[in-house]
Protein backbone atom coordinates (compact mmCIF):
# COMPACT_ATOMS: atom_id res chain seq x y z
CA UNK A 1 -18.12 59.37 -55.32
CA UNK A 2 -19.55 56.56 -53.26
CA UNK A 3 -16.73 54.14 -54.03
CA UNK A 4 -14.30 55.37 -51.29
CA UNK A 5 -17.03 54.95 -48.68
CA UNK A 6 -17.73 51.44 -49.90
CA UNK A 7 -14.05 50.55 -49.84
CA UNK A 8 -13.74 51.94 -46.31
CA UNK A 9 -16.73 49.87 -45.19
CA UNK A 10 -15.23 46.73 -46.70
CA UNK A 11 -11.90 47.44 -45.00
CA UNK A 12 -13.63 47.85 -41.64
CA UNK A 13 -15.46 44.57 -42.13
CA UNK A 14 -12.25 42.75 -43.05
CA UNK A 15 -10.51 44.24 -40.03
CA UNK A 16 -13.28 43.06 -37.74
CA UNK A 17 -13.10 39.56 -39.21
CA UNK A 18 -9.32 39.42 -38.79
CA UNK A 19 -9.52 40.72 -35.21
CA UNK A 20 -12.26 38.22 -34.34
CA UNK A 21 -10.23 35.37 -35.83
CA UNK A 22 -7.12 36.44 -33.90
CA UNK A 23 -9.03 36.63 -30.64
CA UNK A 24 -10.55 33.23 -31.33
CA UNK A 25 -7.11 31.76 -31.97
CA UNK A 26 -5.79 33.27 -28.77
CA UNK A 27 -8.73 31.86 -26.78
CA UNK A 28 -8.20 28.45 -28.41
CA UNK A 29 -4.53 28.52 -27.43
CA UNK A 30 -5.50 29.30 -23.85
CA UNK A 31 -8.04 26.48 -23.83
CA UNK A 32 -5.47 24.04 -25.18
CA UNK A 33 -2.92 24.91 -22.52
CA UNK A 34 -3.09 22.30 -19.79
CA UNK A 35 -0.97 20.61 -17.14
CA UNK A 36 2.59 19.67 -18.07
CA UNK A 37 2.74 15.96 -18.83
CA UNK A 38 4.86 13.67 -16.66
CA UNK A 39 6.01 10.48 -18.38
CA UNK A 40 8.98 9.48 -16.20
CA UNK A 41 10.60 10.10 -12.82
CA UNK A 42 12.08 13.59 -12.75
CA UNK A 43 12.79 16.79 -10.81
CA UNK A 44 10.04 19.40 -10.89
CA UNK A 45 11.79 22.74 -10.56
CA UNK A 46 9.19 25.17 -11.92
CA UNK A 47 5.83 26.27 -10.48
CA UNK A 48 2.79 24.98 -12.30
CA UNK A 49 0.35 22.15 -12.79
CA UNK A 50 1.61 18.68 -13.70
CA UNK A 51 -0.20 15.45 -14.57
CA UNK A 52 0.91 11.85 -15.04
CA UNK A 53 -0.04 10.34 -18.39
CA UNK A 54 1.19 6.83 -17.60
CA UNK A 55 2.43 4.73 -14.68
CA UNK A 56 5.90 5.59 -13.41
CA UNK A 57 8.42 2.91 -12.45
CA UNK A 58 11.40 3.86 -10.33
CA UNK A 59 14.33 1.48 -10.66
CA UNK A 60 16.57 3.45 -8.28
CA UNK A 61 16.12 2.05 -4.79
CA UNK A 62 17.54 5.10 -3.00
CA UNK A 63 16.29 8.02 -5.11
CA UNK A 64 13.12 10.09 -5.29
CA UNK A 65 10.88 9.44 -8.26
CA UNK A 66 9.40 12.95 -8.33
CA UNK A 67 11.50 15.55 -6.51
CA UNK A 68 9.80 18.93 -6.08
CA UNK A 69 12.22 21.85 -5.80
CA UNK A 70 9.80 24.73 -6.49
CA UNK A 71 6.86 26.43 -4.79
CA UNK A 72 3.28 26.36 -6.10
CA UNK A 73 3.32 22.92 -7.71
CA UNK A 74 0.27 20.72 -8.26
CA UNK A 75 0.76 17.08 -9.24
CA UNK A 76 -2.27 15.10 -10.38
CA UNK A 77 -1.47 11.42 -10.70
CA UNK A 78 -4.49 11.12 -12.99
CA UNK A 79 -5.40 7.73 -11.59
CA UNK A 80 -1.99 6.29 -12.52
CA UNK A 81 0.51 4.62 -10.18
CA UNK A 82 4.07 5.33 -9.09
CA UNK A 83 5.83 2.02 -8.41
CA UNK A 84 9.17 1.54 -6.68
CA UNK A 85 11.57 -1.19 -5.64
CA UNK A 86 10.97 -0.97 -1.87
CA UNK A 87 13.32 1.98 -1.33
CA UNK A 88 13.55 5.72 -1.94
CA UNK A 89 10.63 8.15 -1.93
CA UNK A 90 7.90 8.41 -4.53
CA UNK A 91 7.23 12.16 -4.14
CA UNK A 92 9.42 14.42 -2.03
CA UNK A 93 8.94 18.12 -1.47
CA UNK A 94 11.59 20.79 -1.05
CA UNK A 95 13.78 21.00 2.03
CA UNK A 96 13.95 24.78 2.63
CA UNK A 97 17.48 25.95 3.33
CA UNK A 98 17.76 29.21 1.51
CA UNK A 99 15.67 27.79 -1.35
CA UNK A 100 11.93 27.35 -1.96
CA UNK A 101 9.74 27.35 1.13
CA UNK A 102 7.49 24.57 -0.11
CA UNK A 103 4.41 26.76 -0.35
CA UNK A 104 1.39 25.72 -2.36
CA UNK A 105 2.20 22.07 -3.07
CA UNK A 106 -0.65 19.70 -3.91
CA UNK A 107 -0.51 15.96 -4.68
CA UNK A 108 -3.66 14.02 -5.53
CA UNK A 109 -5.52 11.24 -7.29
CA UNK A 110 -3.49 8.07 -7.81
CA UNK A 111 -1.58 5.15 -6.30
CA UNK A 112 1.88 4.73 -4.81
CA UNK A 113 3.45 1.41 -3.88
CA UNK A 114 6.74 -0.21 -2.86
CA UNK A 115 8.82 2.77 -1.71
CA UNK A 116 10.44 3.47 1.63
CA UNK A 117 8.28 6.62 1.86
CA UNK A 118 5.28 7.41 -0.29
CA UNK A 119 4.83 11.19 -0.06
CA UNK A 120 7.18 13.32 2.04
CA UNK A 121 6.07 16.94 2.27
CA UNK A 122 7.05 17.22 5.90
CA UNK A 123 9.04 20.41 5.33
CA UNK A 124 6.56 21.97 2.93
CA UNK A 125 4.43 24.89 4.05
CA UNK A 126 0.71 24.10 3.99
CA UNK A 127 0.49 21.29 1.44
CA UNK A 128 -2.57 19.34 0.25
CA UNK A 129 -2.45 15.55 -0.13
CA UNK A 130 -5.71 13.94 -1.18
CA UNK A 131 -7.18 10.92 -2.91
CA UNK A 132 -4.10 8.69 -2.82
CA UNK A 133 -3.88 4.92 -2.37
CA UNK A 134 -0.54 4.21 -0.71
CA UNK A 135 0.75 0.72 0.16
CA UNK A 136 3.62 -1.70 0.58
CA UNK A 137 6.64 -0.09 2.20
CA UNK A 138 10.05 -1.20 3.37
CA UNK A 139 11.57 -1.01 6.86
CA UNK A 140 11.02 2.37 8.54
CA UNK A 141 8.64 3.20 5.74
CA UNK A 142 5.88 5.80 6.13
CA UNK A 143 3.00 6.26 3.73
CA UNK A 144 2.32 10.01 3.86
CA UNK A 145 4.16 12.79 5.72
CA UNK A 146 2.57 16.22 5.37
CA UNK A 147 1.36 19.38 7.04
CA UNK A 148 -1.74 21.19 5.81
CA UNK A 149 -4.71 19.23 4.47
CA UNK A 150 -4.52 15.43 4.31
CA UNK A 151 -7.84 14.21 2.98
CA UNK A 152 -9.44 11.05 1.64
CA UNK A 153 -6.31 8.90 1.41
CA UNK A 154 -6.03 5.14 1.95
CA UNK A 155 -2.75 3.90 3.42
CA UNK A 156 -1.97 0.26 4.21
CA UNK A 157 0.88 -2.16 4.71
CA UNK A 158 3.60 0.28 5.75
CA UNK A 159 6.32 -1.03 8.04
CA UNK A 160 6.11 2.04 10.29
CA UNK A 161 3.29 4.64 10.36
CA UNK A 162 0.60 5.06 7.76
CA UNK A 163 0.09 8.83 7.94
CA UNK A 164 2.07 11.46 9.84
CA UNK A 165 0.39 14.84 9.55
CA UNK A 166 -0.42 18.16 11.18
CA UNK A 167 -3.33 20.35 10.15
CA UNK A 168 -6.67 19.13 8.83
CA UNK A 169 -6.67 15.33 8.70
CA UNK A 170 -10.00 14.06 7.48
CA UNK A 171 -11.62 11.12 5.72
CA UNK A 172 -8.50 8.96 5.62
CA UNK A 173 -8.34 5.19 6.03
CA UNK A 174 -5.27 3.54 7.57
CA UNK A 175 -5.13 -0.22 8.00
CA UNK A 176 -2.58 -2.96 8.54
CA UNK A 177 0.35 -0.66 9.22
CA UNK A 178 3.16 -1.91 11.44
CA UNK A 179 3.12 0.87 14.04
CA UNK A 180 0.41 3.55 14.08
CA UNK A 181 -2.23 4.11 11.46
CA UNK A 182 -2.50 7.91 11.78
CA UNK A 183 -0.16 10.13 13.84
CA UNK A 184 -1.30 13.73 14.18
CA UNK A 185 0.53 16.75 15.57
CA UNK A 186 -0.66 19.41 17.98
CA UNK A 187 -3.27 21.96 16.99
CA UNK A 188 -4.89 19.77 14.34
CA UNK A 189 -8.43 18.94 13.28
CA UNK A 190 -8.91 15.18 13.07
CA UNK A 191 -12.34 14.30 11.71
CA UNK A 192 -13.92 11.23 10.13
CA UNK A 193 -10.86 9.01 9.79
CA UNK A 194 -10.84 5.21 10.09
CA UNK A 195 -7.97 3.14 11.49
CA UNK A 196 -8.11 -0.65 11.75
CA UNK A 197 -5.70 -3.52 12.38
CA UNK A 198 -2.62 -1.36 12.94
CA UNK A 199 0.12 -2.88 15.10
CA UNK A 200 0.60 -0.34 17.90
CA UNK A 201 -2.24 2.18 17.75
CA UNK A 202 -4.96 3.29 15.42
CA UNK A 203 -4.96 7.09 15.84
CA UNK A 204 -2.45 8.98 17.98
CA UNK A 205 -2.99 12.73 18.47
CA UNK A 206 -0.99 15.39 20.31
CA UNK A 207 -3.29 17.73 22.25
CA UNK A 208 -4.75 20.27 22.11
CA UNK A 209 -6.52 19.19 18.92
CA UNK A 210 -10.08 18.63 17.74
CA UNK A 211 -10.68 14.86 17.51
CA UNK A 212 -14.22 13.99 16.41
CA UNK A 213 -16.20 11.35 14.52
CA UNK A 214 -13.27 8.98 13.98
CA UNK A 215 -13.39 5.17 14.06
CA UNK A 216 -10.47 3.16 15.45
CA UNK A 217 -10.99 -0.56 16.08
CA UNK A 218 -8.90 -3.74 16.27
CA UNK A 219 -5.63 -1.86 16.75
CA UNK A 220 -3.06 -2.45 19.49
CA UNK A 221 -4.48 0.67 21.18
CA UNK A 222 -7.30 2.32 19.32
CA UNK A 223 -7.13 6.03 20.21
CA UNK A 224 -4.24 7.75 22.00
CA UNK A 225 -4.52 11.40 23.10
CA UNK A 226 -1.16 12.76 24.19
CA UNK A 227 -1.34 15.66 26.64
CA UNK A 228 -4.32 17.79 27.63
CA UNK A 229 -6.90 19.90 25.88
CA UNK A 230 -8.18 17.67 23.09
CA UNK A 231 -11.85 17.86 22.12
CA UNK A 232 -12.63 14.13 22.12
CA UNK A 233 -16.18 13.68 20.79
CA UNK A 234 -18.19 11.04 18.91
CA UNK A 235 -15.23 8.76 18.31
CA UNK A 236 -15.72 5.00 18.02
CA UNK A 237 -12.61 3.70 19.75
CA UNK A 238 -13.38 0.93 22.25
């Protein structure tokens, strides 16, 4: 009479083991899911997280290496480099015209060299560009164009401007650029940047903006405040 109860107990135990194993497999699958790997220049047309797994070399002098045509895209260069042939754009965001608005785009953590433009997110909506080393650009070249948060980048050797940004511009270093190291639009927060040895000016800001704790030395003109209403405090700009 006790056998059915024993069988039922064994069945329950087996069910619990199977369920636990299934849940463990599901959790393992979730843990193993990571950023989509980027191994070559391409168009990114789906939201998500992407990461370089090797250096990228663009042989097309007029094309974009990574063209973003979707919202909510994060690209981690993973410490790798995107190298061009002194033309085109390394990373270009969407140009809204009935398509994606360019929301939620982040680019970080790597090097870009020898393009006409390094990162162009000028039409994106609130992007983040951080931790990039950008250098060596052709005529009219600009290192980084963005609106949102531009943080902790190093830009040098561009023919034109190093950084063109609006929003929070902080902790960047711009040196040896042909025109202006850092150009910042109205209504921005410009804190803790360094600009040296740029041809025309070190840091140029459209007021009103908050401009504090920056260092601009050995430029054509060190600090330029365009218009009225800027908070100009604790800047080293002789």
